[in-house]
Amino acid sequence: MGILKQFSRLLNPPKREEKDAYWVYTRCKRCGEQIRTRVNLSNDLSAEYDGENTFYNCRKMLIGEGRCFQQIEVHLKFDGARKLLDQEISGGEFISAAEYNAQGSGE
């Protein structure tokens, strides 16, 4: 029975946990295209030390899938526990996950 379980796991790997993921939803100001991107909280963040406190920064440049080539720059700041503190965007605007999914852009 152990061999069958191992074979089953190979064919159906467990779903990747999203505990280290932060999803960002944006809309291009030029063409209105909605873009979703994943921030890996374990690998995409840069540490910044302020005395005894640690903060993390993440900067992403986003470009849509061909409607226009407007760059959307996203800057996120997280605390030491990797909880979002601040977010800034240029070339676009932040939208909610519900708004992204309502427009049919969901996967």
N, C-alpha and C. Protein backbone atom coordinates (compact mmCIF):
# COMPACT_ATOMS: atom_id res chain seq x y z
N MET A 1 0.82 -1.20 0.00
CA MET A 1 0.00 0.00 0.00
C MET A 1 0.86 1.26 0.00
N GLY A 2 2.05 1.21 0.60
CA GLY A 2 2.92 2.37 0.65
C GLY A 2 3.36 2.81 -0.73
N ILE A 3 3.60 1.88 -1.62
CA ILE A 3 4.02 2.21 -2.99
C ILE A 3 2.90 2.93 -3.73
N LEU A 4 1.66 2.49 -3.53
CA LEU A 4 0.53 3.14 -4.18
C LEU A 4 0.36 4.59 -3.71
N LYS A 5 0.57 4.84 -2.41
CA LYS A 5 0.47 6.20 -1.88
C LYS A 5 1.56 7.10 -2.46
N GLN A 6 2.76 6.56 -2.57
CA GLN A 6 3.86 7.34 -3.14
C GLN A 6 3.59 7.66 -4.60
N PHE A 7 3.08 6.69 -5.34
CA PHE A 7 2.76 6.91 -6.74
C PHE A 7 1.65 7.95 -6.88
N SER A 8 0.66 7.88 -5.99
CA SER A 8 -0.44 8.84 -6.01
C SER A 8 0.07 10.26 -5.73
N ARG A 9 1.02 10.38 -4.81
CA ARG A 9 1.57 11.71 -4.51
C ARG A 9 2.35 12.29 -5.68
N LEU A 10 3.00 11.42 -6.44
CA LEU A 10 3.72 11.89 -7.62
C LEU A 10 2.76 12.44 -8.66
N LEU A 11 1.63 11.77 -8.84
CA LEU A 11 0.65 12.21 -9.84
C LEU A 11 -0.17 13.40 -9.37
N ASN A 12 -0.39 13.49 -8.08
CA ASN A 12 -1.20 14.57 -7.50
C ASN A 12 -0.42 15.24 -6.38
N PRO A 13 0.55 16.10 -6.70
CA PRO A 13 1.33 16.73 -5.64
C PRO A 13 0.45 17.63 -4.79
N PRO A 14 0.77 17.78 -3.51
CA PRO A 14 -0.03 18.67 -2.65
C PRO A 14 0.08 20.10 -3.15
N LYS A 15 -1.00 20.84 -2.97
CA LYS A 15 -1.00 22.23 -3.41
C LYS A 15 -0.01 23.04 -2.60
N ARG A 16 0.64 23.97 -3.30
CA ARG A 16 1.63 24.82 -2.67
C ARG A 16 0.93 25.75 -1.68
N GLU A 17 1.49 25.85 -0.50
CA GLU A 17 0.91 26.72 0.51
C GLU A 17 1.16 28.18 0.12
N GLU A 18 0.20 29.01 0.44
CA GLU A 18 0.29 30.43 0.12
C GLU A 18 0.63 31.26 1.35
N LYS A 19 1.21 30.63 2.36
CA LYS A 19 1.51 31.37 3.58
C LYS A 19 2.59 32.42 3.37
N ASP A 20 3.46 32.21 2.40
CA ASP A 20 4.53 33.17 2.13
C ASP A 20 4.26 33.99 0.88
N ALA A 21 2.97 34.12 0.54
CA ALA A 21 2.60 34.89 -0.65
C ALA A 21 1.75 36.09 -0.27
N TYR A 22 1.99 37.18 -0.97
CA TYR A 22 1.15 38.37 -0.85
C TYR A 22 0.77 38.77 -2.27
N TRP A 23 -0.51 38.82 -2.57
CA TRP A 23 -0.97 39.14 -3.93
C TRP A 23 -1.26 40.63 -4.04
N VAL A 24 -0.83 41.20 -5.15
CA VAL A 24 -1.05 42.62 -5.44
C VAL A 24 -1.90 42.71 -6.70
N TYR A 25 -2.96 43.49 -6.63
CA TYR A 25 -3.88 43.68 -7.75
C TYR A 25 -3.83 45.14 -8.18
N THR A 26 -3.58 45.36 -9.47
CA THR A 26 -3.44 46.73 -9.98
C THR A 26 -4.23 46.91 -11.26
N ARG A 27 -4.44 48.18 -11.63
CA ARG A 27 -5.06 48.53 -12.90
C ARG A 27 -4.21 49.61 -13.55
N CYS A 28 -3.88 49.40 -14.81
CA CYS A 28 -3.09 50.36 -15.57
C CYS A 28 -3.89 51.64 -15.77
N LYS A 29 -3.25 52.79 -15.52
CA LYS A 29 -3.95 54.07 -15.72
C LYS A 29 -4.12 54.42 -17.18
N ARG A 30 -3.27 53.88 -18.05
CA ARG A 30 -3.35 54.21 -19.46
C ARG A 30 -4.44 53.42 -20.18
N CYS A 31 -4.43 52.07 -20.04
CA CYS A 31 -5.35 51.25 -20.82
C CYS A 31 -6.41 50.55 -19.98
N GLY A 32 -6.28 50.56 -18.66
CA GLY A 32 -7.27 49.94 -17.79
C GLY A 32 -7.07 48.44 -17.58
N GLU A 33 -6.01 47.87 -18.14
CA GLU A 33 -5.77 46.44 -17.95
C GLU A 33 -5.49 46.14 -16.49
N GLN A 34 -6.07 45.07 -16.01
CA GLN A 34 -5.86 44.66 -14.64
C GLN A 34 -4.73 43.63 -14.59
N ILE A 35 -3.85 43.79 -13.62
CA ILE A 35 -2.68 42.93 -13.50
C ILE A 35 -2.60 42.43 -12.07
N ARG A 36 -2.35 41.14 -11.95
CA ARG A 36 -2.16 40.52 -10.63
C ARG A 36 -0.73 40.00 -10.56
N THR A 37 -0.07 40.23 -9.45
CA THR A 37 1.28 39.71 -9.27
C THR A 37 1.45 39.18 -7.86
N ARG A 38 2.32 38.20 -7.74
CA ARG A 38 2.57 37.54 -6.46
C ARG A 38 3.90 38.02 -5.90
N VAL A 39 3.90 38.39 -4.62
CA VAL A 39 5.11 38.75 -3.91
C VAL A 39 5.43 37.58 -2.99
N ASN A 40 6.60 37.00 -3.17
CA ASN A 40 7.05 35.91 -2.31
C ASN A 40 7.68 36.54 -1.07
N LEU A 41 7.03 36.39 0.07
CA LEU A 41 7.48 37.04 1.30
C LEU A 41 8.78 36.45 1.83
N SER A 42 9.19 35.30 1.31
CA SER A 42 10.46 34.70 1.74
C SER A 42 11.63 35.12 0.87
N ASN A 43 11.36 35.48 -0.40
CA ASN A 43 12.46 35.74 -1.33
C ASN A 43 12.47 37.12 -1.97
N ASP A 44 11.33 37.77 -2.09
CA ASP A 44 11.25 39.03 -2.84
C ASP A 44 11.52 40.27 -1.99
N LEU A 45 11.67 40.13 -0.70
CA LEU A 45 11.80 41.28 0.17
C LEU A 45 13.26 41.59 0.48
N SER A 46 13.57 42.88 0.58
CA SER A 46 14.90 43.35 0.97
C SER A 46 14.81 43.92 2.38
N ALA A 47 15.71 43.48 3.25
CA ALA A 47 15.68 43.93 4.65
C ALA A 47 16.24 45.34 4.78
N GLU A 48 15.65 46.09 5.69
CA GLU A 48 16.10 47.44 6.02
C GLU A 48 16.10 47.53 7.54
N TYR A 49 17.21 47.92 8.11
CA TYR A 49 17.35 47.96 9.56
C TYR A 49 17.30 49.39 10.06
N ASP A 50 16.46 49.62 11.06
CA ASP A 50 16.28 50.94 11.65
C ASP A 50 16.46 50.79 13.16
N GLY A 51 17.70 50.84 13.61
CA GLY A 51 17.96 50.62 15.03
C GLY A 51 17.68 49.17 15.40
N GLU A 52 16.70 48.97 16.27
CA GLU A 52 16.35 47.61 16.69
C GLU A 52 15.27 46.99 15.81
N ASN A 53 14.63 47.78 14.99
CA ASN A 53 13.53 47.29 14.16
C ASN A 53 14.02 46.87 12.78
N THR A 54 13.35 45.87 12.23
CA THR A 54 13.63 45.42 10.88
C THR A 54 12.39 45.65 10.04
N PHE A 55 12.59 46.23 8.87
CA PHE A 55 11.53 46.43 7.91
C PHE A 55 11.93 45.75 6.61
N TYR A 56 10.96 45.49 5.77
CA TYR A 56 11.23 44.87 4.48
C TYR A 56 10.60 45.70 3.38
N ASN A 57 11.32 45.82 2.28
CA ASN A 57 10.84 46.55 1.12
C ASN A 57 10.75 45.62 -0.08
N CYS A 58 9.81 45.91 -0.96
CA CYS A 58 9.68 45.18 -2.20
C CYS A 58 9.30 46.17 -3.29
N ARG A 59 10.01 46.12 -4.39
CA ARG A 59 9.73 46.99 -5.54
C ARG A 59 9.50 46.09 -6.74
N LYS A 60 8.37 46.26 -7.40
CA LYS A 60 8.04 45.47 -8.58
C LYS A 60 7.69 46.40 -9.73
N MET A 61 8.18 46.05 -10.91
CA MET A 61 7.80 46.75 -12.14
C MET A 61 6.89 45.82 -12.91
N LEU A 62 5.68 46.26 -13.21
CA LEU A 62 4.70 45.44 -13.90
C LEU A 62 4.41 46.00 -15.28
N ILE A 63 4.23 45.12 -16.24
CA ILE A 63 3.83 45.49 -17.60
C ILE A 63 2.75 44.51 -18.02
N GLY A 64 1.70 44.99 -18.63
CA GLY A 64 0.59 44.15 -19.05
C GLY A 64 0.95 43.18 -20.16
N GLU A 65 -0.06 42.55 -20.70
CA GLU A 65 0.13 41.50 -21.69
C GLU A 65 -0.09 41.98 -23.13
N GLY A 66 0.32 43.16 -23.47
CA GLY A 66 0.30 43.56 -24.87
C GLY A 66 -0.60 44.69 -25.26
N ARG A 67 -1.52 45.11 -24.43
CA ARG A 67 -2.40 46.22 -24.81
C ARG A 67 -1.61 47.52 -24.90
N CYS A 68 -0.77 47.73 -23.93
CA CYS A 68 0.13 48.88 -23.93
C CYS A 68 1.37 48.47 -23.15
N PHE A 69 2.37 49.29 -23.21
CA PHE A 69 3.61 48.96 -22.53
C PHE A 69 3.91 49.91 -21.38
N GLN A 70 2.86 50.42 -20.79
CA GLN A 70 2.98 51.31 -19.63
C GLN A 70 3.59 50.52 -18.47
N GLN A 71 4.63 51.05 -17.86
CA GLN A 71 5.19 50.41 -16.68
C GLN A 71 4.43 50.86 -15.45
N ILE A 72 4.13 49.91 -14.59
CA ILE A 72 3.49 50.20 -13.32
C ILE A 72 4.49 49.83 -12.24
N GLU A 73 4.89 50.80 -11.45
CA GLU A 73 5.85 50.56 -10.39
C GLU A 73 5.13 50.46 -9.05
N VAL A 74 5.35 49.36 -8.35
CA VAL A 74 4.73 49.12 -7.06
C VAL A 74 5.83 49.04 -6.01
N HIS A 75 5.65 49.78 -4.93
CA HIS A 75 6.60 49.73 -3.81
C HIS A 75 5.81 49.37 -2.56
N LEU A 76 6.21 48.29 -1.90
CA LEU A 76 5.54 47.81 -0.70
C LEU A 76 6.51 47.83 0.47
N LYS A 77 6.01 48.17 1.64
CA LYS A 77 6.83 48.16 2.86
C LYS A 77 6.14 47.28 3.89
N PHE A 78 6.91 46.34 4.45
CA PHE A 78 6.40 45.38 5.42
C PHE A 78 7.14 45.54 6.74
N ASP A 79 6.48 45.16 7.83
CA ASP A 79 7.14 45.18 9.14
C ASP A 79 7.96 43.91 9.32
N GLY A 80 8.55 43.74 10.50
CA GLY A 80 9.39 42.58 10.77
C GLY A 80 8.66 41.26 10.69
N ALA A 81 7.33 41.28 10.90
CA ALA A 81 6.51 40.07 10.81
C ALA A 81 5.95 39.88 9.40
N ARG A 82 6.43 40.69 8.47
CA ARG A 82 6.02 40.65 7.05
C ARG A 82 4.53 40.96 6.86
N LYS A 83 4.04 41.92 7.64
CA LYS A 83 2.69 42.45 7.48
C LYS A 83 2.81 43.79 6.77
N LEU A 84 1.94 44.03 5.81
CA LEU A 84 2.00 45.24 5.01
C LEU A 84 1.81 46.49 5.86
N LEU A 85 2.74 47.44 5.72
CA LEU A 85 2.65 48.73 6.41
C LEU A 85 2.23 49.84 5.47
N ASP A 86 2.80 49.85 4.26
CA ASP A 86 2.56 50.95 3.33
C ASP A 86 2.70 50.44 1.91
N GLN A 87 1.97 51.06 1.00
CA GLN A 87 2.07 50.71 -0.42
C GLN A 87 1.94 51.97 -1.26
N GLU A 88 2.76 52.04 -2.31
CA GLU A 88 2.74 53.16 -3.25
C GLU A 88 2.74 52.59 -4.65
N ILE A 89 2.16 53.35 -5.57
CA ILE A 89 2.10 52.90 -6.96
C ILE A 89 2.23 54.10 -7.87
N SER A 90 2.88 53.90 -9.02
CA SER A 90 2.90 54.93 -10.06
C SER A 90 2.62 54.25 -11.39
N GLY A 91 1.85 54.92 -12.23
CA GLY A 91 1.46 54.37 -13.52
C GLY A 91 0.22 53.51 -13.46
N GLY A 92 -0.37 53.38 -12.28
CA GLY A 92 -1.56 52.56 -12.12
C GLY A 92 -2.22 52.86 -10.79
N GLU A 93 -3.17 52.01 -10.45
CA GLU A 93 -3.85 52.15 -9.17
C GLU A 93 -4.09 50.77 -8.59
N PHE A 94 -4.13 50.69 -7.27
CA PHE A 94 -4.43 49.44 -6.59
C PHE A 94 -5.91 49.16 -6.67
N ILE A 95 -6.27 47.90 -6.85
CA ILE A 95 -7.66 47.47 -6.82
C ILE A 95 -7.75 46.28 -5.87
N SER A 96 -8.97 45.92 -5.51
CA SER A 96 -9.17 44.78 -4.61
C SER A 96 -9.19 43.47 -5.40
N ALA A 97 -9.00 42.37 -4.70
CA ALA A 97 -9.07 41.05 -5.34
C ALA A 97 -10.47 40.81 -5.89
N ALA A 98 -11.49 41.27 -5.17
CA ALA A 98 -12.88 41.10 -5.63
C ALA A 98 -13.11 41.87 -6.93
N GLU A 99 -12.58 43.07 -7.02
CA GLU A 99 -12.73 43.87 -8.24
C GLU A 99 -12.00 43.21 -9.41
N TYR A 100 -10.82 42.67 -9.13
CA TYR A 100 -10.05 41.97 -10.17
C TYR A 100 -10.83 40.77 -10.69
N ASN A 101 -11.40 39.98 -9.78
CA ASN A 101 -12.13 38.78 -10.18
C ASN A 101 -13.47 39.11 -10.84
N ALA A 102 -14.09 40.21 -10.46
CA ALA A 102 -15.38 40.60 -11.03
C ALA A 102 -15.27 40.98 -12.50
N GLN A 103 -14.12 41.45 -12.93
CA GLN A 103 -13.92 41.86 -14.31
C GLN A 103 -13.54 40.70 -15.23
N GLY A 104 -13.54 39.49 -14.69
CA GLY A 104 -13.23 38.33 -15.52
C GLY A 104 -11.76 38.09 -15.73
N SER A 105 -10.92 38.75 -14.92
CA SER A 105 -9.48 38.58 -15.06
C SER A 105 -8.97 37.44 -14.20
N GLY A 106 -9.84 36.83 -13.40
CA GLY A 106 -9.41 35.78 -12.49
C GLY A 106 -8.96 34.53 -13.23
N GLU A 107 -8.10 33.76 -12.57
CA GLU A 107 -7.59 32.54 -13.17
C GLU A 107 -8.34 31.35 -12.68
